[in-house]
Amino acid sequence: FLLDEAQRTLTRNGVEVHLTPKAFDLLIVLVAEAPRVVSKN
């Protein structure tokens, strides 16, 4: 996978993976903070 925040894309082996806007936003937070546990709050 390649996650590109600027282009708001997630690709797998070059093929774009569809995500809803909130799923993409959530993935950005989790990847940016990895491996830290991010609280629900």
PDB file of all heavy atoms in Angstrom:
ATOM      1  N   PHE A   1       0.813  -1.216   0.000  1.00  0.00           N
ATOM      2  CA  PHE A   1       0.000   0.000   0.000  1.00  0.00           C
ATOM      3  C   PHE A   1       0.850   1.271   0.000  1.00  0.00           C
ATOM      4  O   PHE A   1       1.944   1.315   0.568  1.00  0.00           O
ATOM      5  CB  PHE A   1      -0.910   0.034   1.229  1.00  0.00           C
ATOM      6  CG  PHE A   1      -1.972  -1.018   1.250  1.00  0.00           C
ATOM      7  CD1 PHE A   1      -1.748  -2.216   1.909  1.00  0.00           C
ATOM      8  CD2 PHE A   1      -3.182  -0.811   0.619  1.00  0.00           C
ATOM      9  CE1 PHE A   1      -2.722  -3.203   1.936  1.00  0.00           C
ATOM     10  CE2 PHE A   1      -4.169  -1.791   0.645  1.00  0.00           C
ATOM     11  CZ  PHE A   1      -3.934  -2.988   1.295  1.00  0.00           C
ATOM     12  N   LEU A   2       0.293   2.318  -0.624  1.00  0.00           N
ATOM     13  CA  LEU A   2       0.855   3.662  -0.575  1.00  0.00           C
ATOM     14  C   LEU A   2      -0.273   4.611  -0.199  1.00  0.00           C
ATOM     15  O   LEU A   2      -1.290   4.682  -0.893  1.00  0.00           O
ATOM     16  CB  LEU A   2       1.451   4.065  -1.922  1.00  0.00           C
ATOM     17  CG  LEU A   2       1.911   5.529  -2.028  1.00  0.00           C
ATOM     18  CD1 LEU A   2       3.085   5.786  -1.094  1.00  0.00           C
ATOM     19  CD2 LEU A   2       2.290   5.869  -3.463  1.00  0.00           C
ATOM     20  N   LEU A   3      -0.082   5.343   0.889  1.00  0.00           N
ATOM     21  CA  LEU A   3      -1.072   6.304   1.370  1.00  0.00           C
ATOM     22  C   LEU A   3      -0.543   7.704   1.096  1.00  0.00           C
ATOM     23  O   LEU A   3       0.529   8.065   1.580  1.00  0.00           O
ATOM     24  CB  LEU A   3      -1.319   6.102   2.865  1.00  0.00           C
ATOM     25  CG  LEU A   3      -2.308   7.050   3.548  1.00  0.00           C
ATOM     26  CD1 LEU A   3      -3.714   6.866   2.988  1.00  0.00           C
ATOM     27  CD2 LEU A   3      -2.301   6.822   5.060  1.00  0.00           C
ATOM     28  N   ASP A   4      -1.275   8.477   0.315  1.00  0.00           N
ATOM     29  CA  ASP A   4      -0.853   9.821  -0.074  1.00  0.00           C
ATOM     30  C   ASP A   4      -1.896  10.821   0.406  1.00  0.00           C
ATOM     31  O   ASP A   4      -2.979  10.923  -0.159  1.00  0.00           O
ATOM     32  CB  ASP A   4      -0.679   9.891  -1.592  1.00  0.00           C
ATOM     33  CG  ASP A   4      -0.021  11.182  -2.051  1.00  0.00           C
ATOM     34  OD1 ASP A   4      -0.256  12.236  -1.418  1.00  0.00           O
ATOM     35  OD2 ASP A   4       0.720  11.131  -3.016  1.00  0.00           O
ATOM     36  N   GLU A   5      -1.549  11.565   1.466  1.00  0.00           N
ATOM     37  CA  GLU A   5      -2.505  12.516   2.040  1.00  0.00           C
ATOM     38  C   GLU A   5      -2.775  13.672   1.093  1.00  0.00           C
ATOM     39  O   GLU A   5      -3.911  14.143   0.987  1.00  0.00           O
ATOM     40  CB  GLU A   5      -1.981  13.040   3.375  1.00  0.00           C
ATOM     41  CG  GLU A   5      -2.937  13.995   4.073  1.00  0.00           C
ATOM     42  CD  GLU A   5      -2.403  14.512   5.394  1.00  0.00           C
ATOM     43  OE1 GLU A   5      -1.214  14.258   5.696  1.00  0.00           O
ATOM     44  OE2 GLU A   5      -3.158  15.184   6.120  1.00  0.00           O
ATOM     45  N   ALA A   6      -1.744  14.156   0.409  1.00  0.00           N
ATOM     46  CA  ALA A   6      -1.901  15.304  -0.483  1.00  0.00           C
ATOM     47  C   ALA A   6      -2.903  15.016  -1.595  1.00  0.00           C
ATOM     48  O   ALA A   6      -3.731  15.864  -1.942  1.00  0.00           O
ATOM     49  CB  ALA A   6      -0.553  15.707  -1.070  1.00  0.00           C
ATOM     50  N   GLN A   7      -2.833  13.822  -2.158  1.00  0.00           N
ATOM     51  CA  GLN A   7      -3.747  13.455  -3.243  1.00  0.00           C
ATOM     52  C   GLN A   7      -4.982  12.711  -2.745  1.00  0.00           C
ATOM     53  O   GLN A   7      -5.853  12.352  -3.543  1.00  0.00           O
ATOM     54  CB  GLN A   7      -3.013  12.592  -4.274  1.00  0.00           C
ATOM     55  CG  GLN A   7      -1.851  13.312  -4.940  1.00  0.00           C
ATOM     56  CD  GLN A   7      -1.302  12.570  -6.134  1.00  0.00           C
ATOM     57  OE1 GLN A   7      -2.023  12.201  -7.060  1.00  0.00           O
ATOM     58  NE2 GLN A   7      -0.004  12.335  -6.146  1.00  0.00           N
ATOM     59  N   ARG A   8      -5.023  12.472  -1.421  1.00  0.00           N
ATOM     60  CA  ARG A   8      -6.131  11.741  -0.788  1.00  0.00           C
ATOM     61  C   ARG A   8      -6.396  10.418  -1.512  1.00  0.00           C
ATOM     62  O   ARG A   8      -7.522  10.116  -1.918  1.00  0.00           O
ATOM     63  CB  ARG A   8      -7.410  12.585  -0.728  1.00  0.00           C
ATOM     64  CG  ARG A   8      -7.343  13.699   0.291  1.00  0.00           C
ATOM     65  CD  ARG A   8      -8.687  14.343   0.529  1.00  0.00           C
ATOM     66  NE  ARG A   8      -9.631  13.444   1.171  1.00  0.00           N
ATOM     67  CZ  ARG A   8      -9.704  13.221   2.493  1.00  0.00           C
ATOM     68  NH1 ARG A   8      -8.859  13.818   3.322  1.00  0.00           N
ATOM     69  NH2 ARG A   8     -10.618  12.401   2.979  1.00  0.00           N
ATOM     70  N   THR A   9      -5.323   9.627  -1.635  1.00  0.00           N
ATOM     71  CA  THR A   9      -5.449   8.327  -2.287  1.00  0.00           C
ATOM     72  C   THR A   9      -4.768   7.243  -1.467  1.00  0.00           C
ATOM     73  O   THR A   9      -3.753   7.478  -0.806  1.00  0.00           O
ATOM     74  CB  THR A   9      -4.817   8.329  -3.694  1.00  0.00           C
ATOM     75  OG1 THR A   9      -3.432   8.716  -3.600  1.00  0.00           O
ATOM     76  CG2 THR A   9      -5.545   9.258  -4.628  1.00  0.00           C
ATOM     77  N   LEU A  10      -5.348   6.061  -1.529  1.00  0.00           N
ATOM     78  CA  LEU A  10      -4.724   4.847  -1.000  1.00  0.00           C
ATOM     79  C   LEU A  10      -4.658   3.885  -2.178  1.00  0.00           C
ATOM     80  O   LEU A  10      -5.679   3.575  -2.789  1.00  0.00           O
ATOM     81  CB  LEU A  10      -5.559   4.238   0.136  1.00  0.00           C
ATOM     82  CG  LEU A  10      -5.075   2.858   0.639  1.00  0.00           C
ATOM     83  CD1 LEU A  10      -3.737   2.994   1.359  1.00  0.00           C
ATOM     84  CD2 LEU A  10      -6.126   2.221   1.560  1.00  0.00           C
ATOM     85  N   THR A  11      -3.445   3.436  -2.508  1.00  0.00           N
ATOM     86  CA  THR A  11      -3.298   2.499  -3.621  1.00  0.00           C
ATOM     87  C   THR A  11      -2.656   1.204  -3.136  1.00  0.00           C
ATOM     88  O   THR A  11      -1.852   1.204  -2.205  1.00  0.00           O
ATOM     89  CB  THR A  11      -2.441   3.093  -4.752  1.00  0.00           C
ATOM     90  OG1 THR A  11      -1.157   3.487  -4.231  1.00  0.00           O
ATOM     91  CG2 THR A  11      -3.117   4.298  -5.367  1.00  0.00           C
ATOM     92  N   ARG A  12      -3.040   0.118  -3.786  1.00  0.00           N
ATOM     93  CA  ARG A  12      -2.444  -1.195  -3.516  1.00  0.00           C
ATOM     94  C   ARG A  12      -1.823  -1.687  -4.815  1.00  0.00           C
ATOM     95  O   ARG A  12      -2.530  -1.920  -5.790  1.00  0.00           O
ATOM     96  CB  ARG A  12      -3.505  -2.187  -3.028  1.00  0.00           C
ATOM     97  CG  ARG A  12      -2.924  -3.594  -2.728  1.00  0.00           C
ATOM     98  CD  ARG A  12      -4.017  -4.586  -2.372  1.00  0.00           C
ATOM     99  NE  ARG A  12      -3.442  -5.882  -2.096  1.00  0.00           N
ATOM    100  CZ  ARG A  12      -3.506  -6.514  -0.926  1.00  0.00           C
ATOM    101  NH1 ARG A  12      -4.120  -5.940   0.093  1.00  0.00           N
ATOM    102  NH2 ARG A  12      -2.957  -7.690  -0.762  1.00  0.00           N
ATOM    103  N   ASN A  13      -0.494  -1.798  -4.829  1.00  0.00           N
ATOM    104  CA  ASN A  13       0.238  -2.163  -6.044  1.00  0.00           C
ATOM    105  C   ASN A  13      -0.150  -1.259  -7.214  1.00  0.00           C
ATOM    106  O   ASN A  13      -0.291  -1.700  -8.350  1.00  0.00           O
ATOM    107  CB  ASN A  13      -0.011  -3.631  -6.407  1.00  0.00           C
ATOM    108  CG  ASN A  13       0.572  -4.582  -5.378  1.00  0.00           C
ATOM    109  OD1 ASN A  13       1.639  -4.338  -4.808  1.00  0.00           O
ATOM    110  ND2 ASN A  13      -0.138  -5.673  -5.110  1.00  0.00           N
ATOM    111  N   GLY A  14      -0.341   0.017  -6.907  1.00  0.00           N
ATOM    112  CA  GLY A  14      -0.651   0.991  -7.948  1.00  0.00           C
ATOM    113  C   GLY A  14      -2.113   1.148  -8.286  1.00  0.00           C
ATOM    114  O   GLY A  14      -2.483   2.045  -9.040  1.00  0.00           O
ATOM    115  N   VAL A  15      -2.971   0.287  -7.733  1.00  0.00           N
ATOM    116  CA  VAL A  15      -4.410   0.344  -8.015  1.00  0.00           C
ATOM    117  C   VAL A  15      -5.118   1.003  -6.839  1.00  0.00           C
ATOM    118  O   VAL A  15      -4.932   0.606  -5.686  1.00  0.00           O
ATOM    119  CB  VAL A  15      -4.994  -1.062  -8.258  1.00  0.00           C
ATOM    120  CG1 VAL A  15      -6.487  -0.979  -8.538  1.00  0.00           C
ATOM    121  CG2 VAL A  15      -4.272  -1.744  -9.414  1.00  0.00           C
ATOM    122  N   GLU A  16      -5.922   2.015  -7.126  1.00  0.00           N
ATOM    123  CA  GLU A  16      -6.566   2.785  -6.070  1.00  0.00           C
ATOM    124  C   GLU A  16      -7.599   1.952  -5.304  1.00  0.00           C
ATOM    125  O   GLU A  16      -8.375   1.200  -5.894  1.00  0.00           O
ATOM    126  CB  GLU A  16      -7.230   4.028  -6.644  1.00  0.00           C
ATOM    127  CG  GLU A  16      -7.751   4.983  -5.565  1.00  0.00           C
ATOM    128  CD  GLU A  16      -8.092   6.346  -6.117  1.00  0.00           C
ATOM    129  OE1 GLU A  16      -7.816   6.598  -7.308  1.00  0.00           O
ATOM    130  OE2 GLU A  16      -8.639   7.154  -5.354  1.00  0.00           O
ATOM    131  N   VAL A  17      -7.566   2.087  -3.982  1.00  0.00           N
ATOM    132  CA  VAL A  17      -8.506   1.416  -3.089  1.00  0.00           C
ATOM    133  C   VAL A  17      -9.527   2.454  -2.621  1.00  0.00           C
ATOM    134  O   VAL A  17      -9.151   3.501  -2.099  1.00  0.00           O
ATOM    135  CB  VAL A  17      -7.782   0.812  -1.861  1.00  0.00           C
ATOM    136  CG1 VAL A  17      -8.791   0.168  -0.910  1.00  0.00           C
ATOM    137  CG2 VAL A  17      -6.726  -0.187  -2.310  1.00  0.00           C
ATOM    138  N   HIS A  18     -10.812   2.169  -2.820  1.00  0.00           N
ATOM    139  CA  HIS A  18     -11.845   3.130  -2.442  1.00  0.00           C
ATOM    140  C   HIS A  18     -12.061   3.147  -0.939  1.00  0.00           C
ATOM    141  O   HIS A  18     -12.193   2.103  -0.295  1.00  0.00           O
ATOM    142  CB  HIS A  18     -13.176   2.798  -3.125  1.00  0.00           C
ATOM    143  CG  HIS A  18     -14.302   3.671  -2.662  1.00  0.00           C
ATOM    144  ND1 HIS A  18     -14.413   4.999  -3.043  1.00  0.00           N
ATOM    145  CD2 HIS A  18     -15.352   3.421  -1.821  1.00  0.00           C
ATOM    146  CE1 HIS A  18     -15.484   5.525  -2.458  1.00  0.00           C
ATOM    147  NE2 HIS A  18     -16.069   4.597  -1.720  1.00  0.00           N
ATOM    148  N   LEU A  19     -12.084   4.356  -0.378  1.00  0.00           N
ATOM    149  CA  LEU A  19     -12.414   4.556   1.032  1.00  0.00           C
ATOM    150  C   LEU A  19     -13.382   5.730   1.136  1.00  0.00           C
ATOM    151  O   LEU A  19     -13.296   6.684   0.359  1.00  0.00           O
ATOM    152  CB  LEU A  19     -11.162   4.887   1.855  1.00  0.00           C
ATOM    153  CG  LEU A  19     -10.112   3.797   2.074  1.00  0.00           C
ATOM    154  CD1 LEU A  19      -8.919   4.380   2.827  1.00  0.00           C
ATOM    155  CD2 LEU A  19     -10.694   2.618   2.836  1.00  0.00           C
ATOM    156  N   THR A  20     -14.297   5.662   2.106  1.00  0.00           N
ATOM    157  CA  THR A  20     -15.151   6.809   2.376  1.00  0.00           C
ATOM    158  C   THR A  20     -14.276   7.913   2.979  1.00  0.00           C
ATOM    159  O   THR A  20     -13.200   7.638   3.520  1.00  0.00           O
ATOM    160  CB  THR A  20     -16.278   6.450   3.350  1.00  0.00           C
ATOM    161  OG1 THR A  20     -15.698   6.008   4.598  1.00  0.00           O
ATOM    162  CG2 THR A  20     -17.163   5.344   2.790  1.00  0.00           C
ATOM    163  N   PRO A  21     -14.708   9.185   2.906  1.00  0.00           N
ATOM    164  CA  PRO A  21     -13.880  10.289   3.418  1.00  0.00           C
ATOM    165  C   PRO A  21     -13.454  10.114   4.874  1.00  0.00           C
ATOM    166  O   PRO A  21     -12.293  10.372   5.225  1.00  0.00           O
ATOM    167  CB  PRO A  21     -14.789  11.507   3.237  1.00  0.00           C
ATOM    168  CG  PRO A  21     -15.629  11.153   2.049  1.00  0.00           C
ATOM    169  CD  PRO A  21     -15.912   9.690   2.205  1.00  0.00           C
ATOM    170  N   LYS A  22     -14.351   9.681   5.754  1.00  0.00           N
ATOM    171  CA  LYS A  22     -13.999   9.536   7.169  1.00  0.00           C
ATOM    172  C   LYS A  22     -13.049   8.365   7.384  1.00  0.00           C
ATOM    173  O   LYS A  22     -12.165   8.421   8.246  1.00  0.00           O
ATOM    174  CB  LYS A  22     -15.264   9.355   8.016  1.00  0.00           C
ATOM    175  CG  LYS A  22     -16.090  10.632   8.152  1.00  0.00           C
ATOM    176  CD  LYS A  22     -15.262  11.779   8.734  1.00  0.00           C
ATOM    177  CE  LYS A  22     -16.099  13.046   8.881  1.00  0.00           C
ATOM    178  NZ  LYS A  22     -15.266  14.196   9.341  1.00  0.00           N
ATOM    179  N   ALA A  23     -13.198   7.306   6.602  1.00  0.00           N
ATOM    180  CA  ALA A  23     -12.269   6.179   6.709  1.00  0.00           C
ATOM    181  C   ALA A  23     -10.867   6.621   6.311  1.00  0.00           C
ATOM    182  O   ALA A  23      -9.872   6.239   6.940  1.00  0.00           O
ATOM    183  CB  ALA A  23     -12.743   5.017   5.844  1.00  0.00           C
ATOM    184  N   PHE A  24     -10.780   7.446   5.265  1.00  0.00           N
ATOM    185  CA  PHE A  24      -9.480   7.946   4.841  1.00  0.00           C
ATOM    186  C   PHE A  24      -8.876   8.836   5.931  1.00  0.00           C
ATOM    187  O   PHE A  24      -7.683   8.728   6.256  1.00  0.00           O
ATOM    188  CB  PHE A  24      -9.607   8.728   3.525  1.00  0.00           C
ATOM    189  CG  PHE A  24      -8.291   9.137   2.951  1.00  0.00           C
ATOM    190  CD1 PHE A  24      -7.601   8.303   2.083  1.00  0.00           C
ATOM    191  CD2 PHE A  24      -7.714  10.354   3.278  1.00  0.00           C
ATOM    192  CE1 PHE A  24      -6.374   8.655   1.556  1.00  0.00           C
ATOM    193  CE2 PHE A  24      -6.484  10.733   2.766  1.00  0.00           C
ATOM    194  CZ  PHE A  24      -5.812   9.882   1.904  1.00  0.00           C
ATOM    195  N   ASP A  25      -9.678   9.733   6.500  1.00  0.00           N
ATOM    196  CA  ASP A  25      -9.191  10.622   7.567  1.00  0.00           C
ATOM    197  C   ASP A  25      -8.696   9.815   8.765  1.00  0.00           C
ATOM    198  O   ASP A  25      -7.660  10.146   9.366  1.00  0.00           O
ATOM    199  CB  ASP A  25     -10.303  11.574   8.012  1.00  0.00           C
ATOM    200  CG  ASP A  25     -10.696  12.570   6.922  1.00  0.00           C
ATOM    201  OD1 ASP A  25      -9.890  12.770   5.989  1.00  0.00           O
ATOM    202  OD2 ASP A  25     -11.801  13.128   7.007  1.00  0.00           O
ATOM    203  N   LEU A  26      -9.437   8.779   9.120  1.00  0.00           N
ATOM    204  CA  LEU A  26      -9.051   7.940  10.257  1.00  0.00           C
ATOM    205  C   LEU A  26      -7.746   7.203   9.973  1.00  0.00           C
ATOM    206  O   LEU A  26      -6.874   7.101  10.842  1.00  0.00           O
ATOM    207  CB  LEU A  26     -10.168   6.947  10.566  1.00  0.00           C
ATOM    208  CG  LEU A  26      -9.952   6.001  11.754  1.00  0.00           C
ATOM    209  CD1 LEU A  26      -9.717   6.788  13.040  1.00  0.00           C
ATOM    210  CD2 LEU A  26     -11.141   5.066  11.924  1.00  0.00           C
ATOM    211  N   LEU A  27      -7.596   6.712   8.746  1.00  0.00           N
ATOM    212  CA  LEU A  27      -6.372   6.001   8.382  1.00  0.00           C
ATOM    213  C   LEU A  27      -5.167   6.934   8.448  1.00  0.00           C
ATOM    214  O   LEU A  27      -4.088   6.532   8.905  1.00  0.00           O
ATOM    215  CB  LEU A  27      -6.519   5.415   6.972  1.00  0.00           C
ATOM    216  CG  LEU A  27      -5.327   4.594   6.467  1.00  0.00           C
ATOM    217  CD1 LEU A  27      -5.065   3.397   7.378  1.00  0.00           C
ATOM    218  CD2 LEU A  27      -5.579   4.120   5.038  1.00  0.00           C
ATOM    219  N   ILE A  28      -5.330   8.178   8.014  1.00  0.00           N
ATOM    220  CA  ILE A  28      -4.243   9.160   8.083  1.00  0.00           C
ATOM    221  C   ILE A  28      -3.767   9.330   9.521  1.00  0.00           C
ATOM    222  O   ILE A  28      -2.561   9.337   9.810  1.00  0.00           O
ATOM    223  CB  ILE A  28      -4.706  10.521   7.519  1.00  0.00           C
ATOM    224  CG1 ILE A  28      -4.790  10.467   5.992  1.00  0.00           C
ATOM    225  CG2 ILE A  28      -3.762  11.637   7.946  1.00  0.00           C
ATOM    226  CD1 ILE A  28      -3.448  10.375   5.304  1.00  0.00           C
ATOM    227  N   VAL A  29      -4.706   9.454  10.450  1.00  0.00           N
ATOM    228  CA  VAL A  29      -4.341   9.623  11.860  1.00  0.00           C
ATOM    229  C   VAL A  29      -3.597   8.403  12.383  1.00  0.00           C
ATOM    230  O   VAL A  29      -2.549   8.521  13.020  1.00  0.00           O
ATOM    231  CB  VAL A  29      -5.598   9.894  12.717  1.00  0.00           C
ATOM    232  CG1 VAL A  29      -5.234   9.927  14.207  1.00  0.00           C
ATOM    233  CG2 VAL A  29      -6.245  11.207  12.318  1.00  0.00           C
ATOM    234  N   LEU A  30      -4.124   7.206  12.125  1.00  0.00           N
ATOM    235  CA  LEU A  30      -3.513   5.980  12.642  1.00  0.00           C
ATOM    236  C   LEU A  30      -2.120   5.751  12.059  1.00  0.00           C
ATOM    237  O   LEU A  30      -1.191   5.374  12.781  1.00  0.00           O
ATOM    238  CB  LEU A  30      -4.416   4.785  12.351  1.00  0.00           C
ATOM    239  CG  LEU A  30      -5.751   4.748  13.102  1.00  0.00           C
ATOM    240  CD1 LEU A  30      -6.602   3.582  12.613  1.00  0.00           C
ATOM    241  CD2 LEU A  30      -5.523   4.633  14.604  1.00  0.00           C
ATOM    242  N   VAL A  31      -1.959   5.990  10.756  1.00  0.00           N
ATOM    243  CA  VAL A  31      -0.660   5.786  10.121  1.00  0.00           C
ATOM    244  C   VAL A  31       0.344   6.827  10.611  1.00  0.00           C
ATOM    245  O   VAL A  31       1.505   6.514  10.882  1.00  0.00           O
ATOM    246  CB  VAL A  31      -0.790   5.838   8.578  1.00  0.00           C
ATOM    247  CG1 VAL A  31       0.577   5.858   7.908  1.00  0.00           C
ATOM    248  CG2 VAL A  31      -1.595   4.643   8.084  1.00  0.00           C
ATOM    249  N   ALA A  32      -0.097   8.077  10.741  1.00  0.00           N
ATOM    250  CA  ALA A  32       0.793   9.144  11.198  1.00  0.00           C
ATOM    251  C   ALA A  32       1.288   8.894  12.620  1.00  0.00           C
ATOM    252  O   ALA A  32       2.424   9.243  12.961  1.00  0.00           O
ATOM    253  CB  ALA A  32       0.077  10.491  11.126  1.00  0.00           C
ATOM    254  N   GLU A  33       0.458   8.269  13.460  1.00  0.00           N
ATOM    255  CA  GLU A  33       0.812   8.064  14.864  1.00  0.00           C
ATOM    256  C   GLU A  33       1.402   6.685  15.139  1.00  0.00           C
ATOM    257  O   GLU A  33       1.802   6.401  16.263  1.00  0.00           O
ATOM    258  CB  GLU A  33      -0.431   8.262  15.737  1.00  0.00           C
ATOM    259  CG  GLU A  33      -1.042   9.651  15.656  1.00  0.00           C
ATOM    260  CD  GLU A  33      -0.086  10.742  16.107  1.00  0.00           C
ATOM    261  OE1 GLU A  33       0.812  10.438  16.933  1.00  0.00           O
ATOM    262  OE2 GLU A  33      -0.225  11.874  15.640  1.00  0.00           O
ATOM    263  N   ALA A  34       1.429   5.806  14.142  1.00  0.00           N
ATOM    264  CA  ALA A  34       1.924   4.437  14.334  1.00  0.00           C
ATOM    265  C   ALA A  34       3.344   4.446  14.899  1.00  0.00           C
ATOM    266  O   ALA A  34       4.170   5.269  14.505  1.00  0.00           O
ATOM    267  CB  ALA A  34       1.902   3.687  12.996  1.00  0.00           C
ATOM    268  N   PRO A  35       3.627   3.544  15.861  1.00  0.00           N
ATOM    269  CA  PRO A  35       2.779   2.460  16.380  1.00  0.00           C
ATOM    270  C   PRO A  35       2.002   2.846  17.651  1.00  0.00           C
ATOM    271  O   PRO A  35       1.515   1.997  18.365  1.00  0.00           O
ATOM    272  CB  PRO A  35       3.805   1.372  16.691  1.00  0.00           C
ATOM    273  CG  PRO A  35       5.008   2.155  17.150  1.00  0.00           C
ATOM    274  CD  PRO A  35       5.024   3.409  16.314  1.00  0.00           C
ATOM    275  N   ARG A  36       1.928   4.160  17.941  1.00  0.00           N
ATOM    276  CA  ARG A  36       1.253   4.606  19.166  1.00  0.00           C
ATOM    277  C   ARG A  36      -0.220   4.234  19.160  1.00  0.00           C
ATOM    278  O   ARG A  36      -0.878   4.290  18.109  1.00  0.00           O
ATOM    279  CB  ARG A  36       1.392   6.120  19.305  1.00  0.00           C
ATOM    280  CG  ARG A  36       0.734   6.705  20.552  1.00  0.00           C
ATOM    281  CD  ARG A  36       1.054   8.192  20.700  1.00  0.00           C
ATOM    282  NE  ARG A  36       0.335   9.022  19.759  1.00  0.00           N
ATOM    283  CZ  ARG A  36      -0.879   9.501  19.978  1.00  0.00           C
ATOM    284  NH1 ARG A  36      -1.544   9.188  21.089  1.00  0.00           N
ATOM    285  NH2 ARG A  36      -1.458  10.289  19.085  1.00  0.00           N
ATOM    286  N   VAL A  37      -0.735   3.866  20.320  1.00  0.00           N
ATOM    287  CA  VAL A  37      -2.163   3.614  20.481  1.00  0.00           C
ATOM    288  C   VAL A  37      -2.863   4.963  20.589  1.00  0.00           C
ATOM    289  O   VAL A  37      -2.527   5.785  21.450  1.00  0.00           O
ATOM    290  CB  VAL A  37      -2.449   2.769  21.732  1.00  0.00           C
ATOM    291  CG1 VAL A  37      -3.958   2.607  21.924  1.00  0.00           C
ATOM    292  CG2 VAL A  37      -1.771   1.419  21.636  1.00  0.00           C
ATOM    293  N   VAL A  38      -3.832   5.194  19.696  1.00  0.00           N
ATOM    294  CA  VAL A  38      -4.573   6.450  19.695  1.00  0.00           C
ATOM    295  C   VAL A  38      -5.905   6.217  20.402  1.00  0.00           C
ATOM    296  O   VAL A  38      -6.662   5.311  20.028  1.00  0.00           O
ATOM    297  CB  VAL A  38      -4.820   6.952  18.259  1.00  0.00           C
ATOM    298  CG1 VAL A  38      -5.470   8.337  18.287  1.00  0.00           C
ATOM    299  CG2 VAL A  38      -3.512   7.001  17.467  1.00  0.00           C
ATOM    300  N   SER A  39      -6.162   7.010  21.420  1.00  0.00           N
ATOM    301  CA  SER A  39      -7.375   6.804  22.212  1.00  0.00           C
ATOM    302  C   SER A  39      -8.619   7.118  21.395  1.00  0.00           C
ATOM    303  O   SER A  39      -8.576   7.869  20.412  1.00  0.00           O
ATOM    304  CB  SER A  39      -7.357   7.693  23.459  1.00  0.00           C
ATOM    305  OG  SER A  39      -7.532   9.058  23.107  1.00  0.00           O
ATOM    306  N   LYS A  40      -9.740   6.552  21.834  1.00  0.00           N
ATOM    307  CA  LYS A  40     -11.014   6.810  21.155  1.00  0.00           C
ATOM    308  C   LYS A  40     -11.347   8.298  21.190  1.00  0.00           C
ATOM    309  O   LYS A  40     -11.820   8.868  20.194  1.00  0.00           O
ATOM    310  CB  LYS A  40     -12.126   6.001  21.812  1.00  0.00           C
ATOM    311  CG  LYS A  40     -11.993   4.498  21.657  1.00  0.00           C
ATOM    312  CD  LYS A  40     -13.136   3.778  22.361  1.00  0.00           C
ATOM    313  CE  LYS A  40     -12.999   2.267  22.248  1.00  0.00           C
ATOM    314  NZ  LYS A  40     -14.102   1.559  22.938  1.00  0.00           N
ATOM    315  N   ASN A  41     -11.096   8.935  22.343  1.00  0.00           N
ATOM    316  CA  ASN A  41     -11.400  10.367  22.462  1.00  0.00           C
ATOM    317  C   ASN A  41     -10.599  11.189  21.462  1.00  0.00           C
ATOM    318  O   ASN A  41     -11.115  12.126  20.852  1.00  0.00           O
ATOM    319  CB  ASN A  41     -11.106  10.859  23.881  1.00  0.00           C
ATOM    320  CG  ASN A  41     -12.140  10.370  24.890  1.00  0.00           C
ATOM    321  OD1 ASN A  41     -13.260  10.007  24.511  1.00  0.00           O
ATOM    322  ND2 ASN A  41     -11.779  10.362  26.159  1.00  0.00           N
TER     323      ASN A  41
END
